[in-house]
Amino acid sequence: MVDEVSAGLNPPRYVGGLVRAAVKSGAEIFEHTRVESVRRESSQGEPGWKITTSRGDLWASDVFVGTSGYTGRATPALQKKIIPIGSFIITTEILPEPLAHELSLRNRMIYDSKNYLYYYRLTPDRRMLFGGRAAFFPENDQTIRRSAEILRRGMIAVYPQLRDAKVEYVWGGTLDFAFDIMPHAGQIDGMYYAVGYAGHGVAMATYQGQKMAELIAGEKPENPFVGIPFPGAPLGLYDGRPWFLPIAGAWYKFLDWVS
């Protein structure tokens, strides 16, 4: 199936553009700073929040949580509703132009319809970029190494022509799924949030950033993801640590096999 209006972008450059725009508008950004706790605390009679971080304390009248797959113990109620899942990418060496043209005649963004899906495209310098849910667990050195070989086998299954192509780069990140595989936004424990993008965060998180900013500012924006039921795990059998991912991974692999 072809989506004629689909497109690709370079995510780090996009984030860099957002950062420059935010700083130009007066925002302060603190990198390499872990939020350790968020709790209600008034300041000079005004209700708000005390945020304890690895670099000191902050106070804010409103808190917005957009941590997605990196949601942690600082927001336990939200952590129990989010499943962190790793997503990984390999990139080949630069391919000869005839081979690159053969692999992707129209140079489109491509993905398949499996639960354990692959997504892939050519880079501007003619490398095959090939990604997927190779290992369900969040990224670390071990899952990235394992995923590189899994993805290489998947790439060769799709494109046997790349059997001898060298893989030069591999990386991974962690995205988030809600239990109903839907995005969710609104308020929880008095904090604003938007999470659950399930791998579609570049577009959806940008949209939610705008809509949630309008909501915090006191406007009433139309947002279909605010107010819909946000389910947790059945019987409360989840505390934010995804112990069931190997079982879920095996189940979805089975569904892909039978379909």
Protein backbone atom coordinates (compact mmCIF):
# COMPACT_ATOMS: atom_id res chain seq x y z
CA MET A 1 0.00 0.00 0.00
CA VAL A 2 1.40 3.38 -0.99
CA ASP A 3 0.87 6.57 1.00
CA GLU A 4 1.48 9.36 -1.49
CA VAL A 5 1.94 12.03 1.21
CA SER A 6 4.42 10.14 3.39
CA ALA A 7 7.88 11.58 3.92
CA GLY A 8 11.04 11.13 5.93
CA LEU A 9 13.14 13.43 8.07
CA ASN A 10 16.36 13.42 10.07
CA PRO A 11 15.14 13.17 13.72
CA PRO A 12 18.24 14.69 15.38
CA ARG A 13 18.12 17.70 13.07
CA TYR A 14 14.41 18.08 13.76
CA VAL A 15 15.00 17.94 17.53
CA GLY A 16 17.80 20.46 17.12
CA GLY A 17 15.41 22.81 15.36
CA LEU A 18 12.85 22.44 18.14
CA VAL A 19 15.54 23.14 20.73
CA ARG A 20 16.65 26.33 18.97
CA ALA A 21 13.06 27.51 18.70
CA ALA A 22 12.38 26.75 22.38
CA VAL A 23 15.51 28.52 23.60
CA LYS A 24 14.75 31.52 21.37
CA SER A 25 11.33 31.70 23.02
CA GLY A 26 12.86 31.74 26.51
CA ALA A 27 12.84 28.07 27.56
CA GLU A 28 15.67 26.67 29.66
CA ILE A 29 16.93 23.18 28.85
CA PHE A 30 18.88 21.00 31.30
CA GLU A 31 20.53 18.01 29.63
CA HIS A 32 21.98 15.04 31.54
CA THR A 33 19.63 15.80 34.44
CA ARG A 34 17.54 12.99 35.92
CA VAL A 35 14.26 13.81 37.68
CA GLU A 36 14.25 11.84 40.92
CA SER A 37 10.91 12.84 42.41
CA VAL A 38 7.93 15.11 41.82
CA ARG A 39 5.70 16.08 44.74
CA ARG A 40 3.18 18.77 45.59
CA GLU A 41 4.58 21.75 47.44
CA SER A 42 3.43 25.36 47.74
CA SER A 43 5.74 28.32 47.28
CA GLN A 44 4.85 31.70 48.78
CA GLY A 45 1.26 30.54 49.12
CA GLU A 46 0.98 29.39 45.51
CA PRO A 47 0.26 25.68 44.96
CA GLY A 48 2.70 23.84 42.75
CA TRP A 49 5.32 21.14 42.52
CA LYS A 50 8.79 20.51 43.88
CA ILE A 51 10.93 18.64 41.35
CA THR A 52 14.03 16.99 42.79
CA THR A 53 16.70 16.34 40.17
CA SER A 54 20.24 15.03 40.03
CA ARG A 55 21.42 18.66 39.79
CA GLY A 56 19.22 20.27 42.42
CA ASP A 57 15.61 21.21 43.15
CA LEU A 58 13.14 23.15 41.02
CA TRP A 59 9.67 24.51 41.71
CA ALA A 60 6.92 24.81 39.12
CA SER A 61 3.27 25.76 39.13
CA ASP A 62 2.53 23.10 36.48
CA VAL A 63 4.32 19.90 35.42
CA PHE A 64 4.08 18.24 32.03
CA VAL A 65 5.41 14.68 31.64
CA GLY A 66 6.46 13.67 28.12
CA THR A 67 8.88 10.86 29.01
CA SER A 68 7.29 8.08 26.88
CA GLY A 69 9.50 4.97 26.94
CA TYR A 70 11.73 6.52 29.61
CA THR A 71 8.90 7.04 32.11
CA GLY A 72 10.27 6.04 35.50
CA ARG A 73 9.83 5.99 39.26
CA ALA A 74 9.44 9.78 39.52
CA THR A 75 5.91 9.34 38.10
CA PRO A 76 4.86 5.87 39.35
CA ALA A 77 1.16 6.15 38.42
CA LEU A 78 2.12 6.81 34.80
CA GLN A 79 4.92 4.24 34.79
CA LYS A 80 2.41 1.49 35.60
CA LYS A 81 0.46 2.29 32.44
CA ILE A 82 3.39 2.36 30.01
CA ILE A 83 5.38 -0.54 28.55
CA PRO A 84 8.92 0.39 27.41
CA ILE A 85 9.97 -1.48 24.26
CA GLY A 86 13.25 -1.27 22.39
CA SER A 87 13.47 -0.33 18.74
CA PHE A 88 16.72 -0.77 16.84
CA ILE A 89 18.32 0.23 13.53
CA ILE A 90 21.22 -0.94 11.41
CA THR A 91 22.74 0.92 8.48
CA THR A 92 24.83 -0.60 5.73
CA GLU A 93 27.88 0.72 3.96
CA ILE A 94 27.29 3.05 1.00
CA LEU A 95 25.71 0.98 -1.78
CA PRO A 96 26.46 1.18 -5.51
CA GLU A 97 23.95 3.39 -7.25
CA PRO A 98 22.46 0.63 -9.46
CA LEU A 99 21.90 -1.60 -6.41
CA ALA A 100 20.32 1.21 -4.40
CA HIS A 101 18.01 2.00 -7.32
CA GLU A 102 17.05 -1.68 -7.54
CA LEU A 103 16.21 -1.87 -3.83
CA SER A 104 14.01 1.22 -3.72
CA LEU A 105 13.04 2.47 -7.16
CA ARG A 106 11.14 5.53 -5.89
CA ASN A 107 13.15 6.01 -2.68
CA ARG A 108 10.09 5.73 -0.43
CA MET A 109 9.72 5.23 3.33
CA ILE A 110 8.81 1.53 3.74
CA TYR A 111 7.41 -0.63 6.54
CA ASP A 112 5.51 -3.90 6.66
CA SER A 113 2.31 -5.03 8.38
CA LYS A 114 3.72 -7.52 10.91
CA ASN A 115 3.51 -7.18 14.68
CA TYR A 116 7.30 -7.62 14.72
CA LEU A 117 7.52 -5.10 11.92
CA TYR A 118 10.48 -3.85 9.90
CA TYR A 119 10.84 -0.28 8.67
CA TYR A 120 13.48 0.74 6.17
CA ARG A 121 14.61 3.26 3.58
CA LEU A 122 17.65 4.50 1.73
CA THR A 123 19.63 7.32 3.30
CA PRO A 124 20.64 10.32 1.16
CA ASP A 125 24.13 8.83 0.78
CA ARG A 126 22.71 5.47 -0.47
CA ARG A 127 22.92 3.34 2.67
CA MET A 128 20.13 0.94 3.54
CA LEU A 129 18.70 1.93 6.92
CA PHE A 130 16.80 -1.04 8.36
CA GLY A 131 15.02 -1.04 11.72
CA GLY A 132 12.56 -2.99 13.81
CA ARG A 133 11.58 -4.50 17.15
CA ALA A 134 14.46 -6.96 17.08
CA ALA A 135 14.62 -7.25 20.87
CA PHE A 136 11.61 -6.09 22.89
CA PHE A 137 13.64 -5.02 25.91
CA PRO A 138 14.85 -1.37 26.14
CA GLU A 139 18.18 -0.49 24.62
CA ASN A 140 21.49 -1.31 26.27
CA ASP A 141 24.82 -2.57 24.96
CA GLN A 142 23.66 -6.19 25.01
CA THR A 143 20.29 -5.69 23.29
CA ILE A 144 21.88 -3.45 20.65
CA ARG A 145 24.49 -6.11 19.77
CA ARG A 146 21.84 -8.85 19.62
CA SER A 147 19.54 -6.70 17.56
CA ALA A 148 22.23 -5.92 14.99
CA GLU A 149 22.46 -9.56 13.95
CA ILE A 150 18.70 -10.13 14.13
CA LEU A 151 18.06 -7.12 11.92
CA ARG A 152 20.79 -8.12 9.49
CA ARG A 153 19.07 -11.49 9.00
CA GLY A 154 15.74 -9.71 8.55
CA MET A 155 17.24 -7.31 6.02
CA ILE A 156 18.68 -10.19 3.97
CA ALA A 157 15.30 -11.95 4.07
CA VAL A 158 13.72 -8.83 2.53
CA TYR A 159 16.67 -7.99 0.26
CA PRO A 160 18.85 -11.04 -0.56
CA GLN A 161 20.97 -8.66 -2.68
CA LEU A 162 22.42 -7.25 0.56
CA ARG A 163 23.88 -10.54 1.77
CA ASP A 164 27.44 -9.28 1.30
CA ALA A 165 26.78 -5.67 2.33
CA LYS A 166 28.69 -4.58 5.43
CA VAL A 167 26.72 -3.20 8.37
CA GLU A 168 28.57 -0.08 9.54
CA TYR A 169 26.25 1.38 12.18
CA VAL A 170 23.77 0.09 14.75
CA TRP A 171 21.83 1.95 17.42
CA GLY A 172 18.67 1.70 19.46
CA GLY A 173 16.21 3.58 21.60
CA THR A 174 13.18 2.95 23.79
CA LEU A 175 9.63 3.77 22.81
CA ASP A 176 6.40 3.31 24.72
CA PHE A 177 3.19 1.35 24.32
CA ALA A 178 0.02 1.68 26.36
CA PHE A 179 -1.90 -1.51 27.05
CA ASP A 180 -4.49 -0.54 24.42
CA ILE A 181 -1.77 0.57 21.93
CA MET A 182 -3.27 4.08 21.83
CA PRO A 183 -1.80 7.51 22.58
CA HIS A 184 -3.10 9.10 25.78
CA ALA A 185 -3.02 12.65 27.13
CA GLY A 186 -4.51 14.62 29.97
CA GLN A 187 -3.82 14.79 33.70
CA ILE A 188 -2.79 12.14 36.21
CA ASP A 189 -2.16 12.87 39.90
CA GLY A 190 -2.51 16.55 38.98
CA MET A 191 0.30 16.48 36.40
CA TYR A 192 -0.20 16.96 32.67
CA TYR A 193 1.07 14.20 30.39
CA ALA A 194 1.10 12.89 26.83
CA VAL A 195 2.52 9.42 26.14
CA GLY A 196 1.86 6.12 24.36
CA TYR A 197 2.95 6.90 20.81
CA ALA A 198 3.87 3.28 19.99
CA GLY A 199 6.55 4.20 17.47
CA HIS A 200 4.69 7.12 15.85
CA GLY A 201 6.01 9.83 18.13
CA VAL A 202 7.69 12.16 15.63
CA ALA A 203 4.36 13.39 14.32
CA MET A 204 2.09 12.62 17.28
CA ALA A 205 4.36 14.03 19.99
CA THR A 206 4.68 17.27 18.02
CA TYR A 207 0.90 17.49 17.79
CA GLN A 208 0.44 16.69 21.49
CA GLY A 209 3.11 19.21 22.49
CA GLN A 210 1.07 21.97 20.86
CA LYS A 211 -2.27 20.76 22.20
CA MET A 212 -1.06 20.21 25.76
CA ALA A 213 0.64 23.62 25.81
CA GLU A 214 -2.71 25.18 24.86
CA LEU A 215 -4.44 23.19 27.62
CA ILE A 216 -1.90 24.24 30.28
CA ALA A 217 -2.30 27.86 29.14
CA GLY A 218 -5.99 27.68 30.00
CA GLU A 219 -7.39 27.20 26.52
CA LYS A 220 -9.76 24.41 25.51
CA PRO A 221 -8.13 22.79 22.48
CA GLU A 222 -9.77 19.93 20.64
CA ASN A 223 -7.72 16.83 21.48
CA PRO A 224 -9.31 13.41 20.89
CA PHE A 225 -6.73 11.68 23.10
CA VAL A 226 -7.66 13.57 26.28
CA GLY A 227 -10.23 11.84 28.44
CA ILE A 228 -10.36 8.43 26.76
CA PRO A 229 -9.92 5.50 29.19
CA PHE A 230 -6.25 4.83 29.97
CA PRO A 231 -6.06 1.17 31.00
CA GLY A 232 -3.39 -0.41 33.13
CA ALA A 233 -2.41 -4.07 33.30
CA PRO A 234 -5.12 -6.64 34.02
CA LEU A 235 -5.41 -7.39 37.75
CA GLY A 236 -2.71 -4.81 38.46
CA LEU A 237 0.03 -7.31 37.56
CA TYR A 238 2.51 -4.66 36.43
CA ASP A 239 4.65 -2.24 38.41
CA GLY A 240 6.53 -0.64 35.51
CA ARG A 241 9.05 -3.45 35.05
CA PRO A 242 8.12 -5.32 31.84
CA TRP A 243 8.74 -8.90 33.02
CA PHE A 244 6.28 -10.25 30.44
CA LEU A 245 8.05 -8.96 27.31
CA PRO A 246 9.63 -12.32 26.33
CA ILE A 247 6.18 -13.95 26.54
CA ALA A 248 4.56 -11.13 24.56
CA GLY A 249 7.36 -11.24 21.98
CA ALA A 250 6.90 -14.99 21.46
CA TRP A 251 3.13 -14.52 21.08
CA TYR A 252 3.45 -11.81 18.45
CA LYS A 253 6.05 -13.81 16.55
CA PHE A 254 3.56 -16.68 16.51
CA LEU A 255 0.81 -14.39 15.19
CA ASP A 256 3.15 -13.21 12.43
CA TRP A 257 3.98 -16.82 11.54
CA VAL A 258 0.33 -17.98 11.30
CA SER A 259 -0.69 -14.93 9.28
